[in-house]
Amino acid sequence: MQQGQPVVERAHPGPVTYVKIAVILAIVTIIEVATYYLESFFGAALVPILLVLSAAKFVLVVGFYMHLKFDAPLLRGMFAWGMTVAIGITLAMLALYKL
């Protein structure tokens, strides 16, 4: 019986990295809250700024805490494909209902 290829594991970050990511996420959250309270200063740019900050937090959480950054490329691709489809459906529904 032939054995398959050996599994190659990538090094996962240590606790220090996770604490750094948590601090970065806290800082981004503080910036989001401050941005919301300074709505009159940002005007029409408020929503795009909040969307960019939320996307940055999403990437950090998915990449590090869900360990997607360290998964096989196939699994990352499957996740990216699912997100692409979900975003496409959301945009189509928004366009359909003119929101």
PDB file of N, CA and C in Angstrom:
ATOM      1  N   MET A   1       0.846  -1.177   0.000  1.00  0.00           N
ATOM      2  CA  MET A   1       0.000   0.000   0.000  1.00  0.00           C
ATOM      3  C   MET A   1       0.892   1.241   0.000  1.00  0.00           C
ATOM      4  N   GLN A   2       0.575   2.152  -0.884  1.00  0.00           N
ATOM      5  CA  GLN A   2       1.396   3.349  -1.020  1.00  0.00           C
ATOM      6  C   GLN A   2       0.849   4.466  -0.136  1.00  0.00           C
ATOM      7  N   GLN A   3       1.762   5.130   0.512  1.00  0.00           N
ATOM      8  CA  GLN A   3       1.378   6.240   1.378  1.00  0.00           C
ATOM      9  C   GLN A   3       1.263   7.513   0.548  1.00  0.00           C
ATOM     10  N   GLY A   4       0.386   8.423   0.972  1.00  0.00           N
ATOM     11  CA  GLY A   4       0.234   9.707   0.298  1.00  0.00           C
ATOM     12  C   GLY A   4       1.395  10.630   0.628  1.00  0.00           C
ATOM     13  N   GLN A   5       1.337  11.787   0.064  1.00  0.00           N
ATOM     14  CA  GLN A   5       2.365  12.787   0.313  1.00  0.00           C
ATOM     15  C   GLN A   5       2.326  13.203   1.776  1.00  0.00           C
ATOM     16  N   PRO A   6       3.492  13.479   2.356  1.00  0.00           N
ATOM     17  CA  PRO A   6       3.491  13.939   3.748  1.00  0.00           C
ATOM     18  C   PRO A   6       2.816  15.302   3.866  1.00  0.00           C
ATOM     19  N   VAL A   7       2.121  15.477   4.949  1.00  0.00           N
ATOM     20  CA  VAL A   7       1.434  16.739   5.199  1.00  0.00           C
ATOM     21  C   VAL A   7       2.459  17.763   5.663  1.00  0.00           C
ATOM     22  N   VAL A   8       2.452  18.902   4.989  1.00  0.00           N
ATOM     23  CA  VAL A   8       3.369  19.977   5.358  1.00  0.00           C
ATOM     24  C   VAL A   8       2.563  21.018   6.122  1.00  0.00           C
ATOM     25  N   GLU A   9       2.919  21.231   7.359  1.00  0.00           N
ATOM     26  CA  GLU A   9       2.228  22.234   8.164  1.00  0.00           C
ATOM     27  C   GLU A   9       3.039  23.510   8.191  1.00  0.00           C
ATOM     28  N   ARG A  10       2.338  24.601   8.025  1.00  0.00           N
ATOM     29  CA  ARG A  10       2.990  25.902   8.132  1.00  0.00           C
ATOM     30  C   ARG A  10       2.977  26.321   9.592  1.00  0.00           C
ATOM     31  N   ALA A  11       3.984  27.064   9.945  1.00  0.00           N
ATOM     32  CA  ALA A  11       4.079  27.516  11.338  1.00  0.00           C
ATOM     33  C   ALA A  11       2.956  28.504  11.639  1.00  0.00           C
ATOM     34  N   HIS A  12       2.244  28.246  12.699  1.00  0.00           N
ATOM     35  CA  HIS A  12       1.203  29.170  13.137  1.00  0.00           C
ATOM     36  C   HIS A  12       1.833  30.199  14.062  1.00  0.00           C
ATOM     37  N   PRO A  13       1.269  31.392  14.082  1.00  0.00           N
ATOM     38  CA  PRO A  13       1.833  32.421  14.959  1.00  0.00           C
ATOM     39  C   PRO A  13       1.612  32.087  16.432  1.00  0.00           C
ATOM     40  N   GLY A  14       2.438  32.686  17.250  1.00  0.00           N
ATOM     41  CA  GLY A  14       2.337  32.475  18.686  1.00  0.00           C
ATOM     42  C   GLY A  14       1.352  33.437  19.321  1.00  0.00           C
ATOM     43  N   PRO A  15       1.203  33.347  20.634  1.00  0.00           N
ATOM     44  CA  PRO A  15       0.262  34.205  21.360  1.00  0.00           C
ATOM     45  C   PRO A  15       0.547  35.697  21.193  1.00  0.00           C
ATOM     46  N   VAL A  16       1.812  36.059  21.053  1.00  0.00           N
ATOM     47  CA  VAL A  16       2.158  37.480  20.908  1.00  0.00           C
ATOM     48  C   VAL A  16       1.515  38.052  19.647  1.00  0.00           C
ATOM     49  N   THR A  17       1.530  37.283  18.575  1.00  0.00           N
ATOM     50  CA  THR A  17       0.922  37.746  17.325  1.00  0.00           C
ATOM     51  C   THR A  17      -0.577  37.947  17.496  1.00  0.00           C
ATOM     52  N   TYR A  18      -1.228  37.020  18.188  1.00  0.00           N
ATOM     53  CA  TYR A  18      -2.671  37.147  18.391  1.00  0.00           C
ATOM     54  C   TYR A  18      -3.009  38.353  19.262  1.00  0.00           C
ATOM     55  N   VAL A  19      -2.183  38.658  20.221  1.00  0.00           N
ATOM     56  CA  VAL A  19      -2.401  39.849  21.050  1.00  0.00           C
ATOM     57  C   VAL A  19      -2.220  41.104  20.203  1.00  0.00           C
ATOM     58  N   LYS A  20      -1.208  41.109  19.345  1.00  0.00           N
ATOM     59  CA  LYS A  20      -1.000  42.260  18.454  1.00  0.00           C
ATOM     60  C   LYS A  20      -2.208  42.467  17.546  1.00  0.00           C
ATOM     61  N   ILE A  21      -2.727  41.387  16.988  1.00  0.00           N
ATOM     62  CA  ILE A  21      -3.904  41.483  16.125  1.00  0.00           C
ATOM     63  C   ILE A  21      -5.099  41.999  16.924  1.00  0.00           C
ATOM     64  N   ALA A  22      -5.265  41.535  18.149  1.00  0.00           N
ATOM     65  CA  ALA A  22      -6.366  42.004  18.995  1.00  0.00           C
ATOM     66  C   ALA A  22      -6.246  43.498  19.270  1.00  0.00           C
ATOM     67  N   VAL A  23      -5.036  43.970  19.510  1.00  0.00           N
ATOM     68  CA  VAL A  23      -4.818  45.404  19.750  1.00  0.00           C
ATOM     69  C   VAL A  23      -5.146  46.198  18.486  1.00  0.00           C
ATOM     70  N   ILE A  24      -4.709  45.693  17.335  1.00  0.00           N
ATOM     71  CA  ILE A  24      -5.010  46.372  16.069  1.00  0.00           C
ATOM     72  C   ILE A  24      -6.519  46.422  15.850  1.00  0.00           C
ATOM     73  N   LEU A  25      -7.210  45.311  16.114  1.00  0.00           N
ATOM     74  CA  LEU A  25      -8.665  45.288  15.960  1.00  0.00           C
ATOM     75  C   LEU A  25      -9.343  46.272  16.910  1.00  0.00           C
ATOM     76  N   ALA A  26      -8.843  46.383  18.127  1.00  0.00           N
ATOM     77  CA  ALA A  26      -9.408  47.340  19.086  1.00  0.00           C
ATOM     78  C   ALA A  26      -9.206  48.771  18.602  1.00  0.00           C
ATOM     79  N   ILE A  27      -8.023  49.056  18.077  1.00  0.00           N
ATOM     80  CA  ILE A  27      -7.741  50.405  17.571  1.00  0.00           C
ATOM     81  C   ILE A  27      -8.648  50.732  16.393  1.00  0.00           C
ATOM     82  N   VAL A  28      -8.814  49.783  15.472  1.00  0.00           N
ATOM     83  CA  VAL A  28      -9.689  50.017  14.319  1.00  0.00           C
ATOM     84  C   VAL A  28     -11.128  50.223  14.786  1.00  0.00           C
ATOM     85  N   THR A  29     -11.558  49.484  15.792  1.00  0.00           N
ATOM     86  CA  THR A  29     -12.908  49.659  16.331  1.00  0.00           C
ATOM     87  C   THR A  29     -13.074  51.043  16.952  1.00  0.00           C
ATOM     88  N   ILE A  30     -12.079  51.502  17.674  1.00  0.00           N
ATOM     89  CA  ILE A  30     -12.120  52.855  18.251  1.00  0.00           C
ATOM     90  C   ILE A  30     -12.215  53.896  17.144  1.00  0.00           C
ATOM     91  N   ILE A  31     -11.457  53.698  16.073  1.00  0.00           N
ATOM     92  CA  ILE A  31     -11.509  54.626  14.935  1.00  0.00           C
ATOM     93  C   ILE A  31     -12.899  54.606  14.305  1.00  0.00           C
ATOM     94  N   GLU A  32     -13.500  53.412  14.185  1.00  0.00           N
ATOM     95  CA  GLU A  32     -14.851  53.315  13.627  1.00  0.00           C
ATOM     96  C   GLU A  32     -15.858  54.081  14.476  1.00  0.00           C
ATOM     97  N   VAL A  33     -15.803  53.896  15.769  1.00  0.00           N
ATOM     98  CA  VAL A  33     -16.743  54.583  16.662  1.00  0.00           C
ATOM     99  C   VAL A  33     -16.524  56.091  16.604  1.00  0.00           C
ATOM    100  N   ALA A  34     -15.266  56.511  16.621  1.00  0.00           N
ATOM    101  CA  ALA A  34     -14.961  57.945  16.537  1.00  0.00           C
ATOM    102  C   ALA A  34     -15.446  58.521  15.212  1.00  0.00           C
ATOM    103  N   THR A  35     -15.272  57.764  14.138  1.00  0.00           N
ATOM    104  CA  THR A  35     -15.727  58.216  12.821  1.00  0.00           C
ATOM    105  C   THR A  35     -17.236  58.412  12.820  1.00  0.00           C
ATOM    106  N   TYR A  36     -17.945  57.488  13.446  1.00  0.00           N
ATOM    107  CA  TYR A  36     -19.398  57.596  13.506  1.00  0.00           C
ATOM    108  C   TYR A  36     -19.824  58.844  14.278  1.00  0.00           C
ATOM    109  N   TYR A  37     -19.157  59.131  15.385  1.00  0.00           N
ATOM    110  CA  TYR A  37     -19.523  60.296  16.189  1.00  0.00           C
ATOM    111  C   TYR A  37     -19.113  61.610  15.534  1.00  0.00           C
ATOM    112  N   LEU A  38     -18.172  61.550  14.605  1.00  0.00           N
ATOM    113  CA  LEU A  38     -17.755  62.749  13.870  1.00  0.00           C
ATOM    114  C   LEU A  38     -18.398  62.783  12.487  1.00  0.00           C
ATOM    115  N   GLU A  39     -19.619  62.318  12.409  1.00  0.00           N
ATOM    116  CA  GLU A  39     -20.335  62.201  11.141  1.00  0.00           C
ATOM    117  C   GLU A  39     -20.380  63.519  10.376  1.00  0.00           C
ATOM    118  N   SER A  40     -20.598  64.610  11.064  1.00  0.00           N
ATOM    119  CA  SER A  40     -20.694  65.904  10.386  1.00  0.00           C
ATOM    120  C   SER A  40     -19.365  66.299   9.745  1.00  0.00           C
ATOM    121  N   PHE A  41     -18.254  65.846  10.313  1.00  0.00           N
ATOM    122  CA  PHE A  41     -16.932  66.157   9.761  1.00  0.00           C
ATOM    123  C   PHE A  41     -16.679  65.372   8.474  1.00  0.00           C
ATOM    124  N   PHE A  42     -17.100  64.103   8.440  1.00  0.00           N
ATOM    125  CA  PHE A  42     -16.819  63.249   7.289  1.00  0.00           C
ATOM    126  C   PHE A  42     -17.870  63.357   6.196  1.00  0.00           C
ATOM    127  N   GLY A  43     -19.080  63.717   6.552  1.00  0.00           N
ATOM    128  CA  GLY A  43     -20.136  63.904   5.566  1.00  0.00           C
ATOM    129  C   GLY A  43     -20.422  62.644   4.764  1.00  0.00           C
ATOM    130  N   ALA A  44     -20.403  62.788   3.435  1.00  0.00           N
ATOM    131  CA  ALA A  44     -20.736  61.678   2.541  1.00  0.00           C
ATOM    132  C   ALA A  44     -19.679  60.577   2.550  1.00  0.00           C
ATOM    133  N   ALA A  45     -18.496  60.862   3.040  1.00  0.00           N
ATOM    134  CA  ALA A  45     -17.420  59.862   3.074  1.00  0.00           C
ATOM    135  C   ALA A  45     -17.550  58.911   4.256  1.00  0.00           C
ATOM    136  N   LEU A  46     -18.532  59.140   5.122  1.00  0.00           N
ATOM    137  CA  LEU A  46     -18.671  58.323   6.332  1.00  0.00           C
ATOM    138  C   LEU A  46     -18.853  56.840   6.013  1.00  0.00           C
ATOM    139  N   VAL A  47     -19.798  56.522   5.154  1.00  0.00           N
ATOM    140  CA  VAL A  47     -20.088  55.114   4.855  1.00  0.00           C
ATOM    141  C   VAL A  47     -18.905  54.426   4.176  1.00  0.00           C
ATOM    142  N   PRO A  48     -18.285  55.018   3.154  1.00  0.00           N
ATOM    143  CA  PRO A  48     -17.113  54.350   2.564  1.00  0.00           C
ATOM    144  C   PRO A  48     -15.973  54.140   3.566  1.00  0.00           C
ATOM    145  N   ILE A  49     -15.756  55.096   4.445  1.00  0.00           N
ATOM    146  CA  ILE A  49     -14.699  54.949   5.460  1.00  0.00           C
ATOM    147  C   ILE A  49     -15.024  53.779   6.384  1.00  0.00           C
ATOM    148  N   LEU A  50     -16.267  53.710   6.846  1.00  0.00           N
ATOM    149  CA  LEU A  50     -16.667  52.612   7.729  1.00  0.00           C
ATOM    150  C   LEU A  50     -16.597  51.262   7.017  1.00  0.00           C
ATOM    151  N   LEU A  51     -16.936  51.228   5.732  1.00  0.00           N
ATOM    152  CA  LEU A  51     -16.850  49.979   4.974  1.00  0.00           C
ATOM    153  C   LEU A  51     -15.408  49.504   4.834  1.00  0.00           C
ATOM    154  N   VAL A  52     -14.498  50.428   4.574  1.00  0.00           N
ATOM    155  CA  VAL A  52     -13.078  50.062   4.450  1.00  0.00           C
ATOM    156  C   VAL A  52     -12.536  49.560   5.787  1.00  0.00           C
ATOM    157  N   LEU A  53     -12.869  50.248   6.866  1.00  0.00           N
ATOM    158  CA  LEU A  53     -12.410  49.812   8.186  1.00  0.00           C
ATOM    159  C   LEU A  53     -12.989  48.441   8.549  1.00  0.00           C
ATOM    160  N   SER A  54     -14.257  48.231   8.232  1.00  0.00           N
ATOM    161  CA  SER A  54     -14.879  46.934   8.510  1.00  0.00           C
ATOM    162  C   SER A  54     -14.250  45.829   7.671  1.00  0.00           C
ATOM    163  N   ALA A  55     -13.941  46.122   6.425  1.00  0.00           N
ATOM    164  CA  ALA A  55     -13.291  45.128   5.564  1.00  0.00           C
ATOM    165  C   ALA A  55     -11.907  44.773   6.092  1.00  0.00           C
ATOM    166  N   ALA A  56     -11.184  45.766   6.597  1.00  0.00           N
ATOM    167  CA  ALA A  56      -9.855  45.503   7.165  1.00  0.00           C
ATOM    168  C   ALA A  56      -9.969  44.589   8.382  1.00  0.00           C
ATOM    169  N   LYS A  57     -10.954  44.848   9.224  1.00  0.00           N
ATOM    170  CA  LYS A  57     -11.162  43.987  10.392  1.00  0.00           C
ATOM    171  C   LYS A  57     -11.556  42.578   9.960  1.00  0.00           C
ATOM    172  N   PHE A  58     -12.395  42.482   8.964  1.00  0.00           N
ATOM    173  CA  PHE A  58     -12.816  41.180   8.456  1.00  0.00           C
ATOM    174  C   PHE A  58     -11.616  40.366   7.978  1.00  0.00           C
ATOM    175  N   VAL A  59     -10.733  40.994   7.223  1.00  0.00           N
ATOM    176  CA  VAL A  59      -9.550  40.299   6.704  1.00  0.00           C
ATOM    177  C   VAL A  59      -8.662  39.817   7.850  1.00  0.00           C
ATOM    178  N   LEU A  60      -8.465  40.642   8.853  1.00  0.00           N
ATOM    179  CA  LEU A  60      -7.636  40.237   9.993  1.00  0.00           C
ATOM    180  C   LEU A  60      -8.259  39.072  10.761  1.00  0.00           C
ATOM    181  N   VAL A  61      -9.548  39.150  11.013  1.00  0.00           N
ATOM    182  CA  VAL A  61     -10.208  38.085  11.775  1.00  0.00           C
ATOM    183  C   VAL A  61     -10.195  36.774  10.996  1.00  0.00           C
ATOM    184  N   VAL A  62     -10.559  36.835   9.730  1.00  0.00           N
ATOM    185  CA  VAL A  62     -10.596  35.619   8.916  1.00  0.00           C
ATOM    186  C   VAL A  62      -9.192  35.060   8.711  1.00  0.00           C
ATOM    187  N   GLY A  63      -8.239  35.936   8.469  1.00  0.00           N
ATOM    188  CA  GLY A  63      -6.883  35.480   8.199  1.00  0.00           C
ATOM    189  C   GLY A  63      -6.189  34.864   9.392  1.00  0.00           C
ATOM    190  N   PHE A  64      -6.356  35.460  10.546  1.00  0.00           N
ATOM    191  CA  PHE A  64      -5.608  34.992  11.714  1.00  0.00           C
ATOM    192  C   PHE A  64      -6.442  34.137  12.658  1.00  0.00           C
ATOM    193  N   TYR A  65      -7.586  34.635  13.107  1.00  0.00           N
ATOM    194  CA  TYR A  65      -8.351  33.899  14.111  1.00  0.00           C
ATOM    195  C   TYR A  65      -9.060  32.679  13.528  1.00  0.00           C
ATOM    196  N   MET A  66      -9.420  32.735  12.245  1.00  0.00           N
ATOM    197  CA  MET A  66     -10.009  31.561  11.602  1.00  0.00           C
ATOM    198  C   MET A  66      -8.933  30.746  10.884  1.00  0.00           C
ATOM    199  N   HIS A  67      -7.685  31.162  10.999  1.00  0.00           N
ATOM    200  CA  HIS A  67      -6.521  30.457  10.457  1.00  0.00           C
ATOM    201  C   HIS A  67      -6.574  30.280   8.947  1.00  0.00           C
ATOM    202  N   LEU A  68      -7.343  31.092   8.243  1.00  0.00           N
ATOM    203  CA  LEU A  68      -7.443  30.957   6.798  1.00  0.00           C
ATOM    204  C   LEU A  68      -6.119  31.298   6.120  1.00  0.00           C
ATOM    205  N   LYS A  69      -5.354  32.172   6.720  1.00  0.00           N
ATOM    206  CA  LYS A  69      -4.066  32.556   6.155  1.00  0.00           C
ATOM    207  C   LYS A  69      -3.126  31.358   6.072  1.00  0.00           C
ATOM    208  N   PHE A  70      -3.309  30.393   6.942  1.00  0.00           N
ATOM    209  CA  PHE A  70      -2.400  29.257   7.023  1.00  0.00           C
ATOM    210  C   PHE A  70      -2.984  28.000   6.387  1.00  0.00           C
ATOM    211  N   ASP A  71      -4.187  28.090   5.822  1.00  0.00           N
ATOM    212  CA  ASP A  71      -4.812  26.937   5.183  1.00  0.00           C
ATOM    213  C   ASP A  71      -4.253  26.722   3.783  1.00  0.00           C
ATOM    214  N   ALA A  72      -4.626  25.602   3.218  1.00  0.00           N
ATOM    215  CA  ALA A  72      -4.220  25.275   1.852  1.00  0.00           C
ATOM    216  C   ALA A  72      -4.850  26.273   0.881  1.00  0.00           C
ATOM    217  N   PRO A  73      -4.168  26.544  -0.229  1.00  0.00           N
ATOM    218  CA  PRO A  73      -4.715  27.483  -1.216  1.00  0.00           C
ATOM    219  C   PRO A  73      -6.112  27.088  -1.707  1.00  0.00           C
ATOM    220  N   LEU A  74      -6.390  25.798  -1.800  1.00  0.00           N
ATOM    221  CA  LEU A  74      -7.712  25.353  -2.235  1.00  0.00           C
ATOM    222  C   LEU A  74      -8.791  25.834  -1.271  1.00  0.00           C
ATOM    223  N   LEU A  75      -8.537  25.730   0.025  1.00  0.00           N
ATOM    224  CA  LEU A  75      -9.520  26.167   1.016  1.00  0.00           C
ATOM    225  C   LEU A  75      -9.694  27.680   1.000  1.00  0.00           C
ATOM    226  N   ARG A  76      -8.595  28.404   0.821  1.00  0.00           N
ATOM    227  CA  ARG A  76      -8.700  29.870   0.711  1.00  0.00           C
ATOM    228  C   ARG A  76      -9.514  30.241  -0.521  1.00  0.00           C
ATOM    229  N   GLY A  77      -9.279  29.525  -1.617  1.00  0.00           N
ATOM    230  CA  GLY A  77     -10.027  29.789  -2.846  1.00  0.00           C
ATOM    231  C   GLY A  77     -11.508  29.507  -2.689  1.00  0.00           C
ATOM    232  N   MET A  78     -11.828  28.417  -1.994  1.00  0.00           N
ATOM    233  CA  MET A  78     -13.236  28.092  -1.755  1.00  0.00           C
ATOM    234  C   MET A  78     -13.908  29.177  -0.919  1.00  0.00           C
ATOM    235  N   PHE A  79     -13.201  29.672   0.091  1.00  0.00           N
ATOM    236  CA  PHE A  79     -13.754  30.743   0.921  1.00  0.00           C
ATOM    237  C   PHE A  79     -13.940  32.011   0.082  1.00  0.00           C
ATOM    238  N   ALA A  80     -12.922  32.340  -0.721  1.00  0.00           N
ATOM    239  CA  ALA A  80     -13.001  33.545  -1.560  1.00  0.00           C
ATOM    240  C   ALA A  80     -14.149  33.430  -2.560  1.00  0.00           C
ATOM    241  N   TRP A  81     -14.333  32.246  -3.140  1.00  0.00           N
ATOM    242  CA  TRP A  81     -15.424  32.045  -4.091  1.00  0.00           C
ATOM    243  C   TRP A  81     -16.774  32.237  -3.395  1.00  0.00           C
ATOM    244  N   GLY A  82     -16.931  31.655  -2.230  1.00  0.00           N
ATOM    245  CA  GLY A  82     -18.180  31.813  -1.490  1.00  0.00           C
ATOM    246  C   GLY A  82     -18.465  33.265  -1.137  1.00  0.00           C
ATOM    247  N   MET A  83     -17.429  33.987  -0.728  1.00  0.00           N
ATOM    248  CA  MET A  83     -17.606  35.412  -0.408  1.00  0.00           C
ATOM    249  C   MET A  83     -17.972  36.201  -1.658  1.00  0.00           C
ATOM    250  N   THR A  84     -17.348  35.875  -2.781  1.00  0.00           N
ATOM    251  CA  THR A  84     -17.644  36.561  -4.040  1.00  0.00           C
ATOM    252  C   THR A  84     -19.101  36.347  -4.434  1.00  0.00           C
ATOM    253  N   VAL A  85     -19.575  35.125  -4.332  1.00  0.00           N
ATOM    254  CA  VAL A  85     -20.971  34.827  -4.655  1.00  0.00           C
ATOM    255  C   VAL A  85     -21.907  35.569  -3.699  1.00  0.00           C
ATOM    256  N   ALA A  86     -21.595  35.563  -2.408  1.00  0.00           N
ATOM    257  CA  ALA A  86     -22.441  36.242  -1.424  1.00  0.00           C
ATOM    258  C   ALA A  86     -22.500  37.747  -1.685  1.00  0.00           C
ATOM    259  N   ILE A  87     -21.364  38.339  -1.991  1.00  0.00           N
ATOM    260  CA  ILE A  87     -21.338  39.777  -2.288  1.00  0.00           C
ATOM    261  C   ILE A  87     -22.124  40.061  -3.564  1.00  0.00           C
ATOM    262  N   GLY A  88     -21.960  39.207  -4.568  1.00  0.00           N
ATOM    263  CA  GLY A  88     -22.704  39.381  -5.817  1.00  0.00           C
ATOM    264  C   GLY A  88     -24.204  39.308  -5.607  1.00  0.00           C
ATOM    265  N   ILE A  89     -24.651  38.339  -4.823  1.00  0.00           N
ATOM    266  CA  ILE A  89     -26.083  38.207  -4.536  1.00  0.00           C
ATOM    267  C   ILE A  89     -26.588  39.424  -3.766  1.00  0.00           C
ATOM    268  N   THR A  90     -25.803  39.889  -2.809  1.00  0.00           N
ATOM    269  CA  THR A  90     -26.197  41.067  -2.034  1.00  0.00           C
ATOM    270  C   THR A  90     -26.329  42.288  -2.934  1.00  0.00           C
ATOM    271  N   LEU A  91     -25.349  42.504  -3.806  1.00  0.00           N
ATOM    272  CA  LEU A  91     -25.409  43.648  -4.720  1.00  0.00           C
ATOM    273  C   LEU A  91     -26.582  43.519  -5.689  1.00  0.00           C
ATOM    274  N   ALA A  92     -26.850  42.307  -6.165  1.00  0.00           N
ATOM    275  CA  ALA A  92     -27.987  42.098  -7.063  1.00  0.00           C
ATOM    276  C   ALA A  92     -29.303  42.406  -6.356  1.00  0.00           C
ATOM    277  N   MET A  93     -29.431  41.980  -5.107  1.00  0.00           N
ATOM    278  CA  MET A  93     -30.659  42.266  -4.358  1.00  0.00           C
ATOM    279  C   MET A  93     -30.815  43.762  -4.102  1.00  0.00           C
ATOM    280  N   LEU A  94     -29.711  44.428  -3.785  1.00  0.00           N
ATOM    281  CA  LEU A  94     -29.775  45.877  -3.582  1.00  0.00           C
ATOM    282  C   LEU A  94     -30.203  46.583  -4.861  1.00  0.00           C
ATOM    283  N   ALA A  95     -29.667  46.134  -5.994  1.00  0.00           N
ATOM    284  CA  ALA A  95     -30.048  46.739  -7.277  1.00  0.00           C
ATOM    285  C   ALA A  95     -31.503  46.417  -7.615  1.00  0.00           C
ATOM    286  N   LEU A  96     -31.921  45.195  -7.337  1.00  0.00           N
ATOM    287  CA  LEU A  96     -33.282  44.775  -7.648  1.00  0.00           C
ATOM    288  C   LEU A  96     -34.312  45.597  -6.883  1.00  0.00           C
ATOM    289  N   TYR A  97     -34.035  45.849  -5.623  1.00  0.00           N
ATOM    290  CA  TYR A  97     -34.966  46.606  -4.793  1.00  0.00           C
ATOM    291  C   TYR A  97     -34.621  48.086  -4.713  1.00  0.00           C
ATOM    292  N   LYS A  98     -33.667  48.513  -5.533  1.00  0.00           N
ATOM    293  CA  LYS A  98     -33.275  49.929  -5.657  1.00  0.00           C
ATOM    294  C   LYS A  98     -32.950  50.568  -4.309  1.00  0.00           C
ATOM    295  N   LEU A  99     -32.126  49.881  -3.527  1.00  0.00           N
ATOM    296  CA  LEU A  99     -31.724  50.413  -2.221  1.00  0.00           C
ATOM    297  C   LEU A  99     -30.396  51.105  -2.321  1.00  0.00           C
TER     298      LEU A  99
END
